[in-house]
Amino acid sequence: MGTFWGHWGLFTAFCVGFLKIRMAIQRGLTVFGNVLIFNTELAKLDEYIANFEEIYGISLDPLQRKKFAYWLAITLERSQIAPLNMKIAKKQIIDNDPNFDLMWQWNKKGELTLNQDELYFLYQVIYVFGIIDGNPNYENSYASAHQKNQTHAYQAVMNLALVIKKTFNFQLGTTDLELMFNFIAFHERSTFFMEILTCFSTVPT
């Protein structure tokens, strides 16, 4: 029971922190009331995101930039006090995506000094939360990595296709990697927070 409440407490703190940072960024501030939210200035976040667009050869829309700014601010601050240890199975999936190397290039260009686990984490974020949406090359590469590893998310989509075929006699386009990306990302988003909680080396009890 203690472990459950420990995870729940960490999850709640994570969400509250996320909401405070979101409000601060929306207001263009680094403080919320009289409380310092994060040390990274908005101009620096913009610089990091511009580097990301350059490395990836894409242009993010305003909503995508905001979402990336939220998660980047959270990651930069959280990684200093509560670093993640990504699961080996998750790393193996991401390692099958050749475009993951671009995250290392971005990290080096911006001198972010994020470690490997944090880059794995941000890789998940940019795909799961739609920051990379609208770029078929990266979407297809992400879906292909899940297909190669026969991940839970990929198998869930394939099972959905079987049910749809049996119930409605409609064939879901499972050979379309761009379509598969959307279904896989949806599944990954639904389990994201609980999975991330298992990646912290210490959990309050």
Protein backbone atom coordinates (compact mmCIF):
# COMPACT_ATOMS: atom_id res chain seq x y z
CA MET A 1 0.00 0.00 0.00
CA GLY A 2 2.87 2.34 0.82
CA THR A 3 4.31 1.83 -2.65
CA PHE A 4 0.95 2.63 -4.25
CA TRP A 5 0.59 5.91 -2.34
CA GLY A 6 4.21 6.71 -3.04
CA HIS A 7 3.63 6.37 -6.78
CA TRP A 8 0.37 8.30 -6.51
CA GLY A 9 2.08 11.12 -4.62
CA LEU A 10 4.82 11.36 -7.23
CA PHE A 11 2.26 11.31 -10.03
CA THR A 12 0.27 14.13 -8.37
CA ALA A 13 3.38 16.23 -7.79
CA PHE A 14 4.41 15.68 -11.41
CA CYS A 15 1.02 16.86 -12.70
CA VAL A 16 0.86 19.88 -10.39
CA GLY A 17 4.35 20.91 -11.44
CA PHE A 18 3.40 20.50 -15.09
CA LEU A 19 0.33 22.71 -14.72
CA LYS A 20 2.26 25.45 -12.91
CA ILE A 21 4.93 25.49 -15.60
CA ARG A 22 2.27 25.57 -18.31
CA MET A 23 0.62 28.59 -16.73
CA ALA A 24 3.97 30.32 -16.33
CA ILE A 25 4.93 29.76 -19.96
CA GLN A 26 1.52 30.96 -21.18
CA ARG A 27 2.06 34.19 -19.25
CA GLY A 28 5.60 34.50 -20.50
CA LEU A 29 6.98 34.33 -16.95
CA THR A 30 9.57 32.30 -15.09
CA VAL A 31 7.68 32.75 -11.83
CA PHE A 32 4.16 31.93 -10.67
CA GLY A 33 3.10 34.37 -7.98
CA ASN A 34 6.22 34.78 -5.85
CA VAL A 35 7.44 31.25 -6.45
CA LEU A 36 10.23 30.49 -8.91
CA ILE A 37 8.97 27.83 -11.34
CA PHE A 38 12.04 27.12 -13.47
CA ASN A 39 15.41 28.64 -14.13
CA THR A 40 15.47 28.32 -17.93
CA GLU A 41 14.44 31.56 -19.60
CA LEU A 42 11.84 31.54 -22.36
CA ALA A 43 14.38 32.95 -24.80
CA LYS A 44 16.60 29.94 -24.10
CA LEU A 45 13.71 27.54 -24.66
CA ASP A 46 13.01 29.25 -27.98
CA GLU A 47 16.66 28.82 -28.92
CA TYR A 48 16.59 25.10 -28.07
CA ILE A 49 13.41 24.62 -30.12
CA ALA A 50 14.88 26.55 -33.08
CA ASN A 51 17.90 24.21 -32.94
CA PHE A 52 15.55 21.24 -32.91
CA GLU A 53 13.74 22.52 -36.03
CA GLU A 54 17.07 23.03 -37.78
CA ILE A 55 18.41 19.57 -36.93
CA TYR A 56 15.15 17.84 -37.87
CA GLY A 57 14.55 20.03 -40.94
CA ILE A 58 10.98 20.87 -39.91
CA SER A 59 8.90 23.83 -38.78
CA LEU A 60 6.71 23.37 -35.72
CA ASP A 61 3.37 25.13 -35.57
CA PRO A 62 2.59 27.40 -32.58
CA LEU A 63 0.78 24.66 -30.64
CA GLN A 64 3.60 22.18 -31.18
CA ARG A 65 6.14 24.77 -30.03
CA LYS A 66 4.14 25.42 -26.85
CA LYS A 67 3.87 21.73 -26.05
CA PHE A 68 7.58 21.25 -26.64
CA ALA A 69 8.37 24.26 -24.44
CA TYR A 70 6.26 22.77 -21.60
CA TRP A 71 7.99 19.41 -21.70
CA LEU A 72 11.46 20.80 -22.30
CA ALA A 73 11.16 23.13 -19.29
CA ILE A 74 9.91 20.25 -17.15
CA THR A 75 12.69 17.93 -18.30
CA LEU A 76 15.50 20.43 -17.82
CA GLU A 77 14.39 21.19 -14.27
CA ARG A 78 13.26 17.69 -13.22
CA SER A 79 16.38 15.96 -14.55
CA GLN A 80 18.53 17.91 -12.08
CA ILE A 81 16.67 16.60 -9.03
CA ALA A 82 14.92 13.40 -10.16
CA PRO A 83 16.71 11.78 -13.12
CA LEU A 84 15.02 8.98 -15.03
CA ASN A 85 16.26 5.47 -15.67
CA MET A 86 14.50 4.34 -18.82
CA LYS A 87 13.62 0.66 -19.12
CA ILE A 88 15.88 -1.42 -21.36
CA ALA A 89 12.91 -2.64 -23.41
CA LYS A 90 11.89 0.96 -24.19
CA LYS A 91 15.45 1.84 -25.16
CA GLN A 92 15.60 -1.10 -27.55
CA ILE A 93 12.50 0.15 -29.35
CA ILE A 94 13.90 3.66 -29.72
CA ASP A 95 17.31 2.37 -30.81
CA ASN A 96 15.57 0.78 -33.80
CA ASP A 97 14.65 4.24 -35.03
CA PRO A 98 17.66 5.62 -36.95
CA ASN A 99 16.31 9.14 -36.47
CA PHE A 100 17.00 8.94 -32.75
CA ASP A 101 20.55 10.03 -33.59
CA LEU A 102 19.10 13.46 -34.35
CA MET A 103 18.31 13.86 -30.65
CA TRP A 104 22.02 13.48 -29.87
CA GLN A 105 22.88 16.07 -32.52
CA TRP A 106 20.32 18.47 -31.05
CA ASN A 107 21.62 17.87 -27.53
CA LYS A 108 25.17 18.64 -28.65
CA LYS A 109 24.28 21.72 -30.70
CA GLY A 110 22.35 23.34 -27.86
CA GLU A 111 24.85 22.20 -25.21
CA LEU A 112 21.91 20.82 -23.22
CA THR A 113 24.05 18.18 -21.47
CA LEU A 114 21.02 15.88 -21.11
CA ASN A 115 22.04 12.28 -20.51
CA GLN A 116 20.96 9.34 -22.63
CA ASP A 117 17.91 8.47 -20.54
CA GLU A 118 16.57 12.01 -20.71
CA LEU A 119 16.97 12.01 -24.49
CA TYR A 120 15.04 8.74 -24.67
CA PHE A 121 12.36 10.42 -22.58
CA LEU A 122 12.15 13.51 -24.80
CA TYR A 123 12.07 11.29 -27.88
CA GLN A 124 8.91 9.70 -26.49
CA VAL A 125 7.45 13.10 -25.69
CA ILE A 126 7.88 14.55 -29.19
CA TYR A 127 6.09 11.57 -30.74
CA VAL A 128 3.49 10.71 -28.10
CA PHE A 129 2.29 14.30 -27.64
CA GLY A 130 2.13 15.24 -31.31
CA ILE A 131 5.14 17.56 -31.45
CA ILE A 132 6.42 15.78 -34.55
CA ASP A 133 2.97 15.36 -36.16
CA GLY A 134 2.71 16.15 -39.86
CA ASN A 135 6.15 14.83 -40.78
CA PRO A 136 5.68 11.41 -42.45
CA ASN A 137 9.37 10.54 -42.54
CA TYR A 138 9.61 10.64 -38.75
CA GLU A 139 6.16 9.21 -38.14
CA ASN A 140 6.89 6.23 -40.37
CA SER A 141 10.27 5.67 -38.73
CA TYR A 142 8.64 5.65 -35.29
CA ALA A 143 5.93 3.20 -36.38
CA SER A 144 8.51 0.98 -38.06
CA ALA A 145 10.53 0.77 -34.83
CA HIS A 146 7.42 -0.45 -32.98
CA GLN A 147 6.67 -2.92 -35.77
CA LYS A 148 10.18 -4.39 -35.64
CA ASN A 149 9.92 -4.85 -31.88
CA GLN A 150 6.32 -6.11 -31.96
CA THR A 151 5.59 -3.78 -29.04
CA HIS A 152 2.45 -3.87 -26.89
CA ALA A 153 1.24 -0.73 -28.66
CA TYR A 154 1.76 -2.29 -32.10
CA GLN A 155 0.07 -5.54 -31.09
CA ALA A 156 -2.86 -3.61 -29.61
CA VAL A 157 -3.43 -1.91 -32.97
CA MET A 158 -3.20 -5.22 -34.81
CA ASN A 159 -5.75 -6.74 -32.41
CA LEU A 160 -8.01 -3.74 -32.99
CA ALA A 161 -7.74 -4.36 -36.73
CA LEU A 162 -8.85 -7.98 -36.23
CA VAL A 163 -11.88 -6.91 -34.17
CA ILE A 164 -12.88 -4.27 -36.72
CA LYS A 165 -12.54 -6.78 -39.54
CA LYS A 166 -14.62 -9.37 -37.70
CA THR A 167 -17.29 -6.96 -36.48
CA PHE A 168 -17.64 -4.55 -39.40
CA ASN A 169 -15.89 -6.41 -42.24
CA PHE A 170 -13.61 -3.39 -42.62
CA GLN A 171 -9.89 -3.72 -43.13
CA LEU A 172 -7.87 -1.23 -41.11
CA GLY A 173 -4.87 0.00 -43.08
CA THR A 174 -2.20 -1.67 -40.97
CA THR A 175 0.31 -1.53 -43.83
CA ASP A 176 0.09 2.27 -43.80
CA LEU A 177 2.85 3.27 -41.37
CA GLU A 178 1.57 6.83 -41.12
CA LEU A 179 -1.83 5.56 -39.98
CA MET A 180 -0.18 3.06 -37.64
CA PHE A 181 1.83 5.89 -36.12
CA ASN A 182 -1.36 7.68 -35.05
CA PHE A 183 -2.81 4.57 -33.40
CA ILE A 184 0.48 3.63 -31.73
CA ALA A 185 1.05 7.16 -30.44
CA PHE A 186 -2.49 7.20 -29.03
CA HIS A 187 -1.84 3.94 -27.18
CA GLU A 188 1.53 5.16 -25.89
CA ARG A 189 -0.05 8.41 -24.68
CA SER A 190 -2.69 6.51 -22.70
CA THR A 191 -0.02 4.67 -20.66
CA PHE A 192 2.68 7.34 -20.66
CA PHE A 193 2.44 8.73 -17.13
CA MET A 194 2.17 5.42 -15.32
CA GLU A 195 5.08 3.99 -17.31
CA ILE A 196 7.26 7.00 -16.56
CA LEU A 197 6.63 6.65 -12.84
CA THR A 198 8.38 3.26 -12.93
CA CYS A 199 11.51 4.94 -14.35
CA PHE A 200 12.40 6.95 -11.26
CA SER A 201 15.21 5.43 -9.21
CA THR A 202 13.59 6.60 -5.96
CA VAL A 203 9.90 6.79 -5.14
CA PRO A 204 8.60 8.39 -1.92
CA THR A 205 6.74 5.96 0.35
